[in-house]
N, C-alpha and C. Protein backbone atom coordinates (compact mmCIF):
# COMPACT_ATOMS: atom_id res chain seq x y z
N MET A 1 113.72 147.62 81.76
CA MET A 1 113.73 146.56 80.32
C MET A 1 112.48 146.75 80.27
N ARG A 2 111.86 146.38 78.90
CA ARG A 2 110.47 147.08 78.36
C ARG A 2 110.09 145.82 78.30
N LEU A 3 108.17 145.54 78.38
CA LEU A 3 107.26 144.78 78.30
C LEU A 3 107.97 144.25 76.91
N ALA A 4 107.77 142.22 76.88
CA ALA A 4 108.00 141.93 75.45
C ALA A 4 106.34 141.96 74.86
N VAL A 5 105.86 143.46 73.88
CA VAL A 5 104.92 143.55 73.41
C VAL A 5 105.45 144.21 71.74
N ASN A 6 104.35 143.82 70.90
CA ASN A 6 104.52 144.07 69.93
C ASN A 6 104.18 146.09 69.27
N PRO A 7 104.90 146.51 69.12
CA PRO A 7 105.51 147.57 68.47
C PRO A 7 104.02 148.47 67.68
N THR A 8 102.63 148.63 68.38
CA THR A 8 101.01 148.23 67.10
C THR A 8 100.15 149.41 68.06
N ARG A 9 99.99 150.22 67.66
CA ARG A 9 98.83 151.20 68.20
C ARG A 9 97.49 150.09 69.13
N MET A 10 97.41 148.90 68.76
CA MET A 10 96.49 148.68 69.29
C MET A 10 96.78 148.59 71.60
N GLU A 11 98.67 147.98 70.98
CA GLU A 11 99.26 147.73 72.08
C GLU A 11 99.26 148.88 73.42
N LEU A 12 99.36 150.32 72.19
CA LEU A 12 99.85 150.93 72.91
C LEU A 12 98.50 152.03 73.82
N LEU A 13 97.78 151.29 72.83
CA LEU A 13 96.54 151.57 74.27
C LEU A 13 96.00 150.89 75.06
N LYS A 14 96.37 149.29 75.04
CA LYS A 14 96.57 148.85 76.22
C LYS A 14 97.53 149.02 77.31
N LEU A 15 98.96 149.01 76.36
CA LEU A 15 99.49 149.84 77.66
C LEU A 15 99.17 151.18 78.73
N ARG A 16 98.45 151.93 77.92
CA ARG A 16 97.67 152.79 78.11
C ARG A 16 97.00 152.84 79.71
N ARG A 17 95.73 152.22 79.64
CA ARG A 17 94.74 152.21 80.15
C ARG A 17 95.85 150.94 81.24
N ARG A 18 96.56 150.33 81.20
CA ARG A 18 97.26 149.27 81.99
C ARG A 18 98.05 150.05 83.47
N LEU A 19 99.22 151.30 82.41
CA LEU A 19 99.61 152.27 83.53
C LEU A 19 98.13 153.02 84.02
N VAL A 20 97.36 153.31 83.18
CA VAL A 20 96.02 154.27 84.19
C VAL A 20 95.99 153.50 85.97
N VAL A 21 96.13 152.16 85.32
CA VAL A 21 95.05 151.37 86.78
C VAL A 21 96.03 150.76 87.16
N ALA A 22 97.74 151.08 86.84
CA ALA A 22 98.95 150.30 87.85
C ALA A 22 99.21 151.84 88.43
N ARG A 23 99.13 153.17 88.01
CA ARG A 23 99.12 154.39 88.75
C ARG A 23 98.14 154.72 89.89
N ARG A 24 96.36 153.86 89.79
CA ARG A 24 95.67 154.21 90.34
C ARG A 24 95.86 153.42 91.74
N GLY A 25 96.18 151.55 91.43
CA GLY A 25 96.43 150.85 91.98
C GLY A 25 98.15 150.86 93.16
N HIS A 26 99.00 151.85 92.19
CA HIS A 26 99.86 152.55 93.25
C HIS A 26 99.69 153.41 94.51
N LYS A 27 99.03 154.26 93.90
CA LYS A 27 98.06 155.15 95.27
C LYS A 27 97.35 155.00 96.07
N LEU A 28 96.75 153.47 95.75
CA LEU A 28 95.49 153.16 97.09
C LEU A 28 96.81 152.03 97.43
N LEU A 29 97.38 151.30 97.34
CA LEU A 29 98.57 150.87 98.46
C LEU A 29 99.05 151.47 99.01
N LYS A 30 100.06 153.03 98.89
CA LYS A 30 100.67 153.70 99.42
C LYS A 30 100.10 153.97 99.96
N ASP A 31 98.84 154.91 100.02
CA ASP A 31 97.82 155.21 101.29
C ASP A 31 97.62 154.15 101.86
N LYS A 32 97.54 152.53 101.96
CA LYS A 32 96.95 151.78 102.89
C LYS A 32 98.18 151.50 103.44
N LEU A 33 99.65 151.55 102.68
CA LEU A 33 100.54 151.58 103.97
C LEU A 33 101.05 152.50 105.15
N GLU A 34 101.02 153.45 104.33
CA GLU A 34 100.59 154.33 105.35
C GLU A 34 100.09 154.73 106.28
N GLY A 35 98.40 154.23 106.37
CA GLY A 35 97.43 153.51 107.08
C GLY A 35 98.00 152.47 108.16
N LEU A 36 98.76 151.08 107.39
CA LEU A 36 99.55 150.37 108.02
C LEU A 36 100.40 150.89 109.23
N ILE A 37 101.80 152.11 108.49
CA ILE A 37 102.26 151.88 109.36
C ILE A 37 101.46 153.31 110.76
N LYS A 38 101.56 153.53 110.94
CA LYS A 38 100.86 154.62 111.68
C LYS A 38 99.62 153.61 112.57
N GLU A 39 99.42 152.00 112.12
CA GLU A 39 98.17 151.91 112.96
C GLU A 39 99.46 150.81 113.97
N PHE A 40 99.87 151.06 113.14
CA PHE A 40 101.50 149.12 113.34
C PHE A 40 102.07 150.28 114.39
N MET A 41 102.86 151.39 114.28
CA MET A 41 103.48 152.20 115.38
C MET A 41 102.61 152.11 116.59
N SER A 42 101.12 152.86 116.19
CA SER A 42 100.41 152.71 118.20
C SER A 42 100.17 151.96 118.50
N VAL A 43 100.17 150.23 118.11
CA VAL A 43 99.97 149.02 118.11
C VAL A 43 101.51 148.39 119.55
N ALA A 44 102.06 148.57 118.52
CA ALA A 44 103.58 148.21 119.01
C ALA A 44 103.79 149.07 120.72
N HIS A 45 103.51 150.43 120.26
CA HIS A 45 103.81 151.18 121.46
C HIS A 45 102.71 150.57 122.88
N GLU A 46 101.30 150.02 122.33
CA GLU A 46 100.90 149.98 123.41
C GLU A 46 100.93 148.21 123.92
N TYR A 47 101.68 148.23 122.93
CA TYR A 47 102.31 146.11 122.78
C TYR A 47 103.38 146.27 124.47
N ARG A 48 104.12 147.56 123.97
CA ARG A 48 105.83 147.91 124.91
C ARG A 48 105.02 148.19 126.35
N ARG A 49 103.87 148.54 126.23
CA ARG A 49 103.15 149.21 127.12
C ARG A 49 102.42 147.88 127.75
N LEU A 50 102.41 146.97 127.78
CA LEU A 50 101.00 145.66 128.10
C LEU A 50 102.57 144.82 128.31
N ARG A 51 103.51 144.71 128.00
CA ARG A 51 104.80 143.79 127.87
C ARG A 51 105.22 144.64 129.05
N GLN A 52 105.64 145.73 129.47
CA GLN A 52 106.04 146.01 130.61
C GLN A 52 105.20 145.81 131.93
N MET A 53 103.73 145.74 132.05
CA MET A 53 103.28 145.77 132.72
C MET A 53 102.90 144.14 133.94
N VAL A 54 103.16 143.80 132.41
CA VAL A 54 103.60 141.74 132.96
C VAL A 54 104.68 141.29 132.60
N ASP A 55 105.72 141.92 132.90
CA ASP A 55 106.92 142.17 133.69
C ASP A 55 106.91 142.10 135.04
N GLU A 56 106.25 143.85 134.76
CA GLU A 56 106.97 144.45 136.23
C GLU A 56 105.94 143.50 137.25
N GLU A 57 104.54 142.57 136.28
CA GLU A 57 104.18 142.39 137.93
C GLU A 57 103.54 140.14 137.51
N LEU A 58 103.95 139.95 136.64
CA LEU A 58 104.36 138.28 137.16
C LEU A 58 104.93 138.19 138.24
N PRO A 59 106.01 138.51 137.80
CA PRO A 59 107.31 138.17 140.13
C PRO A 59 106.56 138.64 140.74
N TYR A 60 105.50 138.85 140.97
CA TYR A 60 104.77 139.57 142.33
C TYR A 60 104.07 138.21 142.54
N VAL A 61 103.48 138.21 141.68
CA VAL A 61 102.15 137.51 141.59
C VAL A 61 102.85 135.53 141.91
N MET A 62 103.96 135.48 141.52
CA MET A 62 104.82 133.96 141.31
C MET A 62 105.18 134.42 143.04
N LYS A 63 106.05 135.33 143.54
CA LYS A 63 106.65 135.80 144.61
C LYS A 63 105.03 135.15 145.74
N LEU A 64 104.28 135.90 145.69
CA LEU A 64 103.16 135.52 146.79
C LEU A 64 102.67 134.37 146.66
N PHE A 65 102.27 133.08 145.79
CA PHE A 65 102.59 131.22 145.38
C PHE A 65 103.80 130.88 146.67
N VAL A 66 104.94 132.20 146.02
CA VAL A 66 106.46 131.53 146.69
C VAL A 66 105.94 131.24 148.31
N LEU A 67 105.67 132.74 148.84
CA LEU A 67 105.08 133.40 150.33
C LEU A 67 103.69 131.85 150.39
N ALA A 68 103.01 131.64 149.86
CA ALA A 68 102.18 130.76 150.56
C ALA A 68 102.81 129.34 150.76
N GLU A 69 103.25 129.49 150.06
CA GLU A 69 104.05 127.68 150.40
C GLU A 69 104.63 127.96 151.85
N ILE A 70 105.90 128.99 151.23
CA ILE A 70 106.67 129.24 153.21
C ILE A 70 106.19 128.66 153.99
N THR A 71 104.38 130.03 153.94
CA THR A 71 103.93 130.84 155.24
C THR A 71 102.85 129.37 156.01
N SER A 72 102.43 128.18 155.05
CA SER A 72 102.04 126.92 155.56
C SER A 72 102.88 125.92 154.96
N SER A 73 103.25 125.13 153.58
CA SER A 73 103.43 123.97 152.97
C SER A 73 103.78 124.01 152.03
N ARG A 74 104.47 123.15 151.47
CA ARG A 74 104.54 123.42 150.03
C ARG A 74 102.82 121.82 150.00
N ASN A 75 103.09 121.25 150.03
CA ASN A 75 102.57 120.14 149.72
C ASN A 75 100.68 120.69 150.22
N ILE A 76 100.82 121.20 151.65
CA ILE A 76 99.61 121.75 151.97
C ILE A 76 99.55 122.88 150.46
N THR A 77 99.71 123.75 149.35
CA THR A 77 99.54 124.19 148.86
C THR A 77 98.78 123.69 147.85
N GLU A 78 99.62 122.38 148.06
CA GLU A 78 99.62 122.01 146.30
C GLU A 78 98.20 120.92 145.81
N ASN A 79 97.72 120.45 147.53
CA ASN A 79 96.49 120.21 147.87
C ASN A 79 95.18 121.00 147.72
N ALA A 80 95.94 122.36 147.70
CA ALA A 80 94.69 123.12 148.13
C ALA A 80 94.28 123.55 147.21
N LEU A 81 95.18 123.42 146.44
CA LEU A 81 94.86 124.03 144.14
C LEU A 81 94.16 123.50 144.07
N GLU A 82 94.60 121.88 143.80
CA GLU A 82 94.06 121.02 143.33
C GLU A 82 92.60 120.20 143.82
N SER A 83 92.48 121.02 144.25
CA SER A 83 91.06 120.86 145.06
C SER A 83 90.32 121.91 144.66
N VAL A 84 90.35 123.09 144.49
CA VAL A 84 89.75 124.27 143.67
C VAL A 84 89.88 123.77 142.51
N ARG A 85 89.11 123.78 141.37
CA ARG A 85 88.52 123.72 140.10
C ARG A 85 87.78 124.73 139.29
N GLN A 86 88.40 125.52 139.18
CA GLN A 86 87.67 126.03 137.70
C GLN A 86 87.86 126.83 136.51
N GLU A 87 86.77 125.94 135.24
CA GLU A 87 87.45 125.96 133.63
C GLU A 87 87.25 127.71 133.70
N LEU A 88 88.57 127.84 132.77
CA LEU A 88 88.79 128.67 132.31
C LEU A 88 89.16 129.04 131.00
N ASP A 89 87.70 129.20 129.70
CA ASP A 89 88.22 128.47 127.90
C ASP A 89 88.40 130.58 127.44
N ILE A 90 89.30 130.47 126.58
CA ILE A 90 90.12 131.20 126.24
C ILE A 90 88.85 131.49 124.90
N ILE A 91 88.39 132.31 124.38
CA ILE A 91 87.43 132.65 123.50
C ILE A 91 88.10 133.51 122.18
N VAL A 92 88.16 132.61 121.00
CA VAL A 92 89.36 133.43 120.32
C VAL A 92 87.78 134.21 119.08
N GLN A 93 88.06 135.30 118.27
CA GLN A 93 87.03 136.13 117.89
C GLN A 93 87.95 136.62 116.49
N PRO A 94 88.00 135.76 115.71
CA PRO A 94 88.75 136.77 114.13
C PRO A 94 87.99 138.11 113.90
N VAL A 95 88.49 139.04 113.99
CA VAL A 95 88.47 140.37 112.97
C VAL A 95 89.60 141.37 112.42
N ARG A 96 89.04 142.07 111.76
CA ARG A 96 89.90 142.91 110.99
C ARG A 96 90.33 144.26 111.33
N LEU A 97 91.75 144.73 110.69
CA LEU A 97 92.50 145.77 111.37
C LEU A 97 93.04 146.20 110.26
N LEU A 98 92.47 147.22 109.49
CA LEU A 98 93.13 147.38 108.34
C LEU A 98 92.76 146.55 107.21
N GLY A 99 92.43 145.58 107.69
CA GLY A 99 92.51 144.43 106.75
C GLY A 99 93.38 143.83 107.32
N VAL A 100 93.83 143.24 107.60
CA VAL A 100 94.39 142.53 108.49
C VAL A 100 94.13 141.44 108.94
N ARG A 101 94.13 140.68 108.80
CA ARG A 101 93.67 139.50 109.97
C ARG A 101 93.91 139.63 110.41
N VAL A 102 93.47 139.90 112.19
CA VAL A 102 93.64 139.28 114.01
C VAL A 102 93.08 138.85 114.34
N GLN A 103 93.12 138.74 115.73
CA GLN A 103 92.68 137.88 116.77
C GLN A 103 92.18 138.73 117.87
N LYS A 104 90.84 138.75 117.68
CA LYS A 104 90.91 139.36 119.64
C LYS A 104 90.34 138.23 120.55
N LEU A 105 90.86 137.99 121.83
CA LEU A 105 91.09 137.57 122.67
C LEU A 105 90.08 137.08 123.95
N ASP A 106 89.15 136.15 125.05
CA ASP A 106 88.67 136.72 126.34
C ASP A 106 88.39 136.15 126.62
N ILE A 107 87.99 136.12 127.86
CA ILE A 107 89.13 134.93 129.16
C ILE A 107 87.25 134.71 129.28
N LYS A 108 86.36 134.00 129.34
CA LYS A 108 85.15 133.55 129.68
C LYS A 108 85.25 132.41 131.33
N TYR A 109 84.98 132.52 132.25
CA TYR A 109 85.31 131.68 133.91
C TYR A 109 84.39 130.94 133.84
N GLY A 110 84.32 129.56 134.35
CA GLY A 110 83.16 128.58 134.21
C GLY A 110 83.12 128.63 136.10
N GLU A 111 81.78 127.74 136.71
CA GLU A 111 82.00 127.52 137.65
C GLU A 111 82.64 127.59 138.81
N THR A 112 83.57 127.57 139.52
CA THR A 112 84.26 127.38 140.91
C THR A 112 84.03 125.43 141.33
N THR A 113 84.85 124.85 141.57
CA THR A 113 83.77 123.70 142.17
C THR A 113 84.96 123.06 142.94
N GLY A 114 84.54 122.79 144.46
CA GLY A 114 85.53 122.80 145.17
C GLY A 114 85.37 122.81 146.03
N ARG A 115 86.95 123.68 147.00
CA ARG A 115 87.36 124.64 148.05
C ARG A 115 88.19 123.90 149.27
N TYR A 116 88.89 124.68 149.55
CA TYR A 116 89.98 124.57 149.93
C TYR A 116 90.20 124.67 151.77
N SER A 117 90.50 124.61 152.76
CA SER A 117 90.13 125.37 154.43
C SER A 117 90.73 126.63 154.31
N VAL A 118 90.74 127.35 155.18
CA VAL A 118 91.32 128.67 155.25
C VAL A 118 91.74 128.40 156.74
N VAL A 119 92.03 126.82 156.79
CA VAL A 119 92.43 127.32 158.33
C VAL A 119 93.74 126.78 158.33
N HIS A 120 93.95 125.32 157.38
CA HIS A 120 95.60 125.46 157.28
C HIS A 120 96.16 126.56 155.84
N THR A 121 95.39 126.18 155.49
CA THR A 121 96.11 127.02 154.68
C THR A 121 96.96 128.51 154.69
N SER A 122 97.14 129.40 154.51
CA SER A 122 97.85 130.18 154.77
C SER A 122 96.91 132.15 153.59
N PRO A 123 96.97 133.14 154.01
CA PRO A 123 96.14 134.58 153.67
C PRO A 123 97.25 134.83 152.20
N GLU A 124 98.38 133.83 152.38
CA GLU A 124 98.71 134.70 150.70
C GLU A 124 98.32 133.88 149.99
N LEU A 125 97.63 132.90 149.99
CA LEU A 125 97.34 132.24 148.59
C LEU A 125 95.64 132.26 148.59
N ASP A 126 95.32 133.10 149.71
CA ASP A 126 93.92 133.39 148.63
C ASP A 126 94.34 135.04 147.95
N ILE A 127 95.00 135.70 148.82
CA ILE A 127 95.88 137.06 148.06
C ILE A 127 95.87 136.34 146.52
N ALA A 128 97.78 136.05 146.16
CA ALA A 128 97.81 135.58 145.54
C ALA A 128 96.61 134.49 144.13
N ILE A 129 95.73 133.72 144.49
CA ILE A 129 94.32 133.48 143.98
C ILE A 129 93.42 134.87 143.07
N ALA A 130 93.75 135.20 143.91
CA ALA A 130 92.71 137.05 143.68
C ALA A 130 93.71 137.32 142.95
N ARG A 131 95.23 137.75 142.70
CA ARG A 131 95.92 138.47 141.82
C ARG A 131 96.52 137.88 140.43
N LEU A 132 96.32 136.37 140.44
CA LEU A 132 95.72 135.97 139.44
C LEU A 132 95.26 135.82 138.49
N ARG A 133 94.17 135.86 139.32
CA ARG A 133 92.58 136.36 138.65
C ARG A 133 93.13 137.66 137.74
N GLU A 134 93.42 138.65 138.39
CA GLU A 134 93.91 139.99 138.05
C GLU A 134 94.73 139.87 136.79
N PHE A 135 95.27 139.37 137.20
CA PHE A 135 96.59 139.45 136.17
C PHE A 135 96.41 138.17 134.83
N LEU A 136 95.97 137.28 134.99
CA LEU A 136 95.38 136.34 133.43
C LEU A 136 94.98 137.86 132.25
N PRO A 137 93.94 138.51 133.11
CA PRO A 137 93.32 139.23 131.40
C PRO A 137 94.67 139.20 130.86
N LYS A 138 95.72 140.63 131.41
CA LYS A 138 96.59 141.58 131.40
C LYS A 138 97.28 140.61 130.78
N LEU A 139 97.69 139.35 130.78
CA LEU A 139 98.95 138.37 130.06
C LEU A 139 98.10 138.46 128.82
N LEU A 140 96.71 137.97 128.99
CA LEU A 140 96.14 137.87 127.79
C LEU A 140 96.36 138.73 126.39
N ALA A 141 96.10 139.80 127.29
CA ALA A 141 95.68 141.26 125.80
C ALA A 141 97.28 141.50 125.22
N MET A 142 97.92 141.17 126.14
CA MET A 142 100.12 141.23 126.43
C MET A 142 99.44 140.05 125.01
N SER A 143 99.99 138.93 124.81
CA SER A 143 99.28 138.67 123.74
C SER A 143 98.49 138.32 122.21
N GLU A 144 97.40 139.26 122.67
CA GLU A 144 96.93 139.81 122.61
C GLU A 144 97.42 140.71 120.78
N THR A 145 98.36 141.27 121.04
CA THR A 145 98.57 142.40 121.47
C THR A 145 100.31 142.11 120.24
N GLU A 146 100.54 141.35 120.94
CA GLU A 146 101.46 140.42 120.03
C GLU A 146 101.54 140.00 119.12
N ASP A 147 100.27 139.34 119.53
CA ASP A 147 99.77 138.63 117.25
C ASP A 147 99.34 139.39 116.47
N LYS A 148 99.05 140.87 116.99
CA LYS A 148 99.17 141.66 116.22
C LYS A 148 99.97 142.53 115.61
N VAL A 149 101.45 142.62 116.47
CA VAL A 149 102.65 142.70 116.05
C VAL A 149 102.99 142.21 114.38
N ARG A 150 102.19 141.37 115.16
CA ARG A 150 103.87 140.41 114.12
C ARG A 150 102.50 140.47 112.82
N ARG A 151 101.04 139.99 112.37
CA ARG A 151 100.76 140.10 111.43
C ARG A 151 100.33 141.70 110.93
N MET A 152 100.31 142.78 111.49
CA MET A 152 100.19 144.00 111.13
C MET A 152 102.18 143.97 110.11
N SER A 153 103.31 143.75 111.57
CA SER A 153 104.64 143.66 110.32
C SER A 153 104.35 143.32 109.12
N SER A 154 104.33 141.61 109.01
CA SER A 154 104.08 140.83 107.96
C SER A 154 103.62 142.08 107.00
N GLU A 155 102.11 142.71 107.38
CA GLU A 155 101.85 143.02 105.88
C GLU A 155 102.09 144.17 105.48
N VAL A 156 102.40 145.00 106.87
CA VAL A 156 103.75 145.99 106.71
C VAL A 156 104.44 146.11 104.93
N GLU A 157 105.22 144.52 106.12
CA GLU A 157 106.34 144.38 105.08
C GLU A 157 105.86 143.67 102.46
N LYS A 158 104.72 143.51 103.21
CA LYS A 158 103.94 142.83 101.93
C LYS A 158 103.20 143.86 101.65
N THR A 159 102.85 144.60 101.59
CA THR A 159 102.33 146.33 100.66
C THR A 159 103.91 146.77 100.40
N ARG A 160 104.44 146.48 101.12
CA ARG A 160 105.51 148.04 100.74
C ARG A 160 106.41 146.89 99.50
N ARG A 161 106.53 146.07 99.78
CA ARG A 161 106.87 144.48 98.30
C ARG A 161 106.14 145.65 96.67
N ARG A 162 104.80 145.71 97.70
CA ARG A 162 104.30 145.63 96.42
C ARG A 162 104.14 146.77 96.33
N VAL A 163 103.79 147.77 96.35
CA VAL A 163 104.48 149.09 96.01
C VAL A 163 106.19 149.56 95.75
N ASN A 164 106.53 148.97 95.39
CA ASN A 164 108.56 149.36 95.54
C ASN A 164 107.84 148.12 93.85
N ALA A 165 107.82 147.27 94.05
CA ALA A 165 107.40 146.66 92.86
C ALA A 165 106.75 147.51 91.45
N LEU A 166 106.14 148.16 91.54
CA LEU A 166 105.08 149.05 91.24
C LEU A 166 105.49 150.21 90.57
N GLU A 167 106.13 151.08 91.80
CA GLU A 167 106.99 152.22 91.39
C GLU A 167 108.23 151.97 90.90
N HIS A 168 109.16 150.83 91.41
CA HIS A 168 110.20 151.00 90.75
C HIS A 168 110.72 149.62 89.77
N SER A 169 109.25 148.96 89.57
CA SER A 169 109.89 147.80 88.21
C SER A 169 108.44 147.64 87.32
N PHE A 170 107.15 148.00 88.02
CA PHE A 170 105.79 147.87 86.70
C PHE A 170 106.04 148.40 85.98
N ILE A 171 105.80 149.91 86.80
CA ILE A 171 105.11 151.32 85.70
C ILE A 171 106.81 151.54 85.37
N PRO A 172 107.37 151.86 85.59
CA PRO A 172 108.60 152.33 84.45
C PRO A 172 109.27 151.51 83.62
N ARG A 173 108.55 150.24 83.74
CA ARG A 173 108.66 149.06 82.22
C ARG A 173 107.47 150.02 81.70
N ILE A 174 106.28 150.18 81.74
CA ILE A 174 104.95 149.89 80.83
C ILE A 174 105.37 151.55 80.38
N GLU A 175 106.20 152.89 81.32
CA GLU A 175 106.48 153.65 80.76
C GLU A 175 107.64 153.50 79.90
N ASP A 176 108.87 152.90 79.83
CA ASP A 176 109.87 152.83 78.32
C ASP A 176 109.33 151.86 77.24
N THR A 177 108.23 151.21 78.15
CA THR A 177 107.40 151.12 77.11
C THR A 177 106.65 151.49 75.54
N ILE A 178 105.44 152.15 76.47
CA ILE A 178 105.44 152.95 75.73
C ILE A 178 106.12 154.24 74.92
N ARG A 179 106.82 154.82 75.79
CA ARG A 179 107.62 155.71 74.77
C ARG A 179 108.27 155.05 73.46
N PHE A 180 108.62 153.28 73.99
CA PHE A 180 109.38 152.86 72.69
C PHE A 180 108.31 151.87 71.14
N ILE A 181 107.49 151.92 71.77
CA ILE A 181 105.84 152.18 70.48
C ILE A 181 105.49 153.35 69.62
N THR A 182 105.93 154.61 71.39
CA THR A 182 105.86 156.25 70.49
C THR A 182 106.51 156.29 69.58
N SER A 183 107.89 155.67 69.59
CA SER A 183 109.07 156.32 69.02
C SER A 183 108.84 155.65 67.98
N LYS A 184 108.64 153.74 67.91
CA LYS A 184 108.83 153.14 66.92
C LYS A 184 107.38 154.14 65.75
N LEU A 185 105.63 154.41 66.47
CA LEU A 185 104.95 154.16 65.69
C LEU A 185 105.95 156.13 64.98
N GLU A 186 105.97 156.27 65.57
CA GLU A 186 106.53 158.03 64.72
C GLU A 186 107.27 158.00 63.96
N GLU A 187 108.01 156.60 64.15
CA GLU A 187 109.12 156.66 63.40
C GLU A 187 108.38 155.68 61.94
N THR A 188 107.22 155.08 62.21
CA THR A 188 106.70 154.47 60.40
C THR A 188 106.24 155.73 59.85
N GLU A 189 105.21 156.29 60.91
CA GLU A 189 104.52 156.90 59.62
C GLU A 189 104.88 158.49 59.59
N ARG A 190 106.38 158.78 59.89
CA ARG A 190 107.46 159.33 59.22
C ARG A 190 107.94 159.00 57.83
N SER A 191 107.97 157.04 58.20
CA SER A 191 108.73 157.16 57.05
C SER A 191 107.36 156.60 55.79
N THR A 192 106.69 156.28 56.26
CA THR A 192 105.33 156.16 55.27
C THR A 192 105.28 157.63 54.95
N THR A 193 104.87 158.74 55.36
CA THR A 193 104.74 159.71 54.87
C THR A 193 105.79 160.28 53.87
N SER A 194 106.69 160.18 54.73
CA SER A 194 108.11 160.60 52.81
C SER A 194 107.57 159.51 52.54
N ALA A 195 107.88 158.27 51.80
CA ALA A 195 107.49 157.77 50.83
C ALA A 195 106.60 157.80 49.61
N LEU A 196 105.52 158.30 50.29
CA LEU A 196 103.86 158.80 49.70
C LEU A 196 104.59 160.45 49.17
N MET A 197 105.15 160.83 49.15
CA MET A 197 105.50 162.20 49.07
C MET A 197 106.35 161.87 47.76
N LYS A 198 107.55 161.36 48.37
CA LYS A 198 108.25 160.87 46.85
C LYS A 198 107.39 160.02 46.24
N ILE A 199 106.77 159.36 46.38
CA ILE A 199 105.63 158.73 45.14
C ILE A 199 104.40 160.03 44.36
N LYS A 200 104.47 161.13 45.01
CA LYS A 200 103.36 162.35 44.77
C LYS A 200 104.47 162.84 43.93
N ALA A 201 105.94 162.95 44.65
CA ALA A 201 106.40 163.82 43.42
C ALA A 201 107.04 163.32 42.47
N GLN A 202 106.94 161.72 42.39
CA GLN A 202 107.26 161.42 41.14
C GLN A 202 105.87 160.72 40.12
N ARG A 203 105.40 161.44 40.77
CA ARG A 203 104.22 160.99 39.52
C ARG A 203 103.74 162.86 39.11
N LEU A 204 104.14 164.33 39.81
CA LEU A 204 103.76 164.80 38.77
C LEU A 204 104.88 165.24 38.33
N ALA A 205 106.17 164.85 38.00
CA ALA A 205 107.36 164.52 37.42
C ALA A 205 106.53 163.74 36.31
N ARG A 206 106.01 162.80 35.97
CA ARG A 206 105.61 162.38 35.13
C ARG A 206 104.31 162.72 34.70
N GLU A 207 103.86 163.76 34.77
CA GLU A 207 102.40 164.98 34.07
C GLU A 207 103.21 165.42 34.48
N ALA A 208 103.66 166.14 34.84
CA ALA A 208 104.56 167.34 33.81
C ALA A 208 105.29 166.96 33.16
N LYS A 209 106.26 166.32 32.28
CA LYS A 209 106.23 165.35 31.61
C LYS A 209 105.85 165.25 30.53
N GLN A 210 104.65 164.87 30.65
CA GLN A 210 103.60 163.68 29.90
C GLN A 210 103.22 165.82 28.83
N ASN A 211 102.65 166.68 30.10
CA ASN A 211 102.26 167.90 29.66
C ASN A 211 103.11 168.88 28.30
N ALA A 212 104.55 168.61 29.27
CA ALA A 212 105.53 169.46 28.37
C ALA A 212 105.57 169.37 26.69
């Protein structure tokens, strides 16, 4: 489908300039899409690795807390955990990855307040708390990477739609319109030339008749 414009030389010049800009934009977007897809595959691979690690370690960490309850008691374990407090802040820092706004997550630990009796609690509780502290950064890294996957997937899809719109709709419409206007102008030019030649022939015939 052609664009709704008048078939004039001015419009033809405008369309040719728009076509140059559209083709340049299409190339830039296509290059961006290739870069996004390459980075997305790398991030997706990293997410699978982190997810597998979390899925493997989480049951083990939970098992340690269960063992801590079994070897002492649930009440003792819960009271011990309640008596120990430590602030934990998750710092969210916005960053850009190939133009995509993503989030960088970091953990900041505060001071530990309180303590529990190591006499009444089981050694498994100490191990469980230590392993949980080691596990949390991995869980946070997985969450950060999962967010990157979602955001980059959305950006890939949006960029692909823009590339397809330019490649299969906008640029072909401009090209069709340029061909249409060029054809119309050539037709008009031929008609004008033919009319001028006819007028000239009539004038020459009158001059020849007058001179006879």
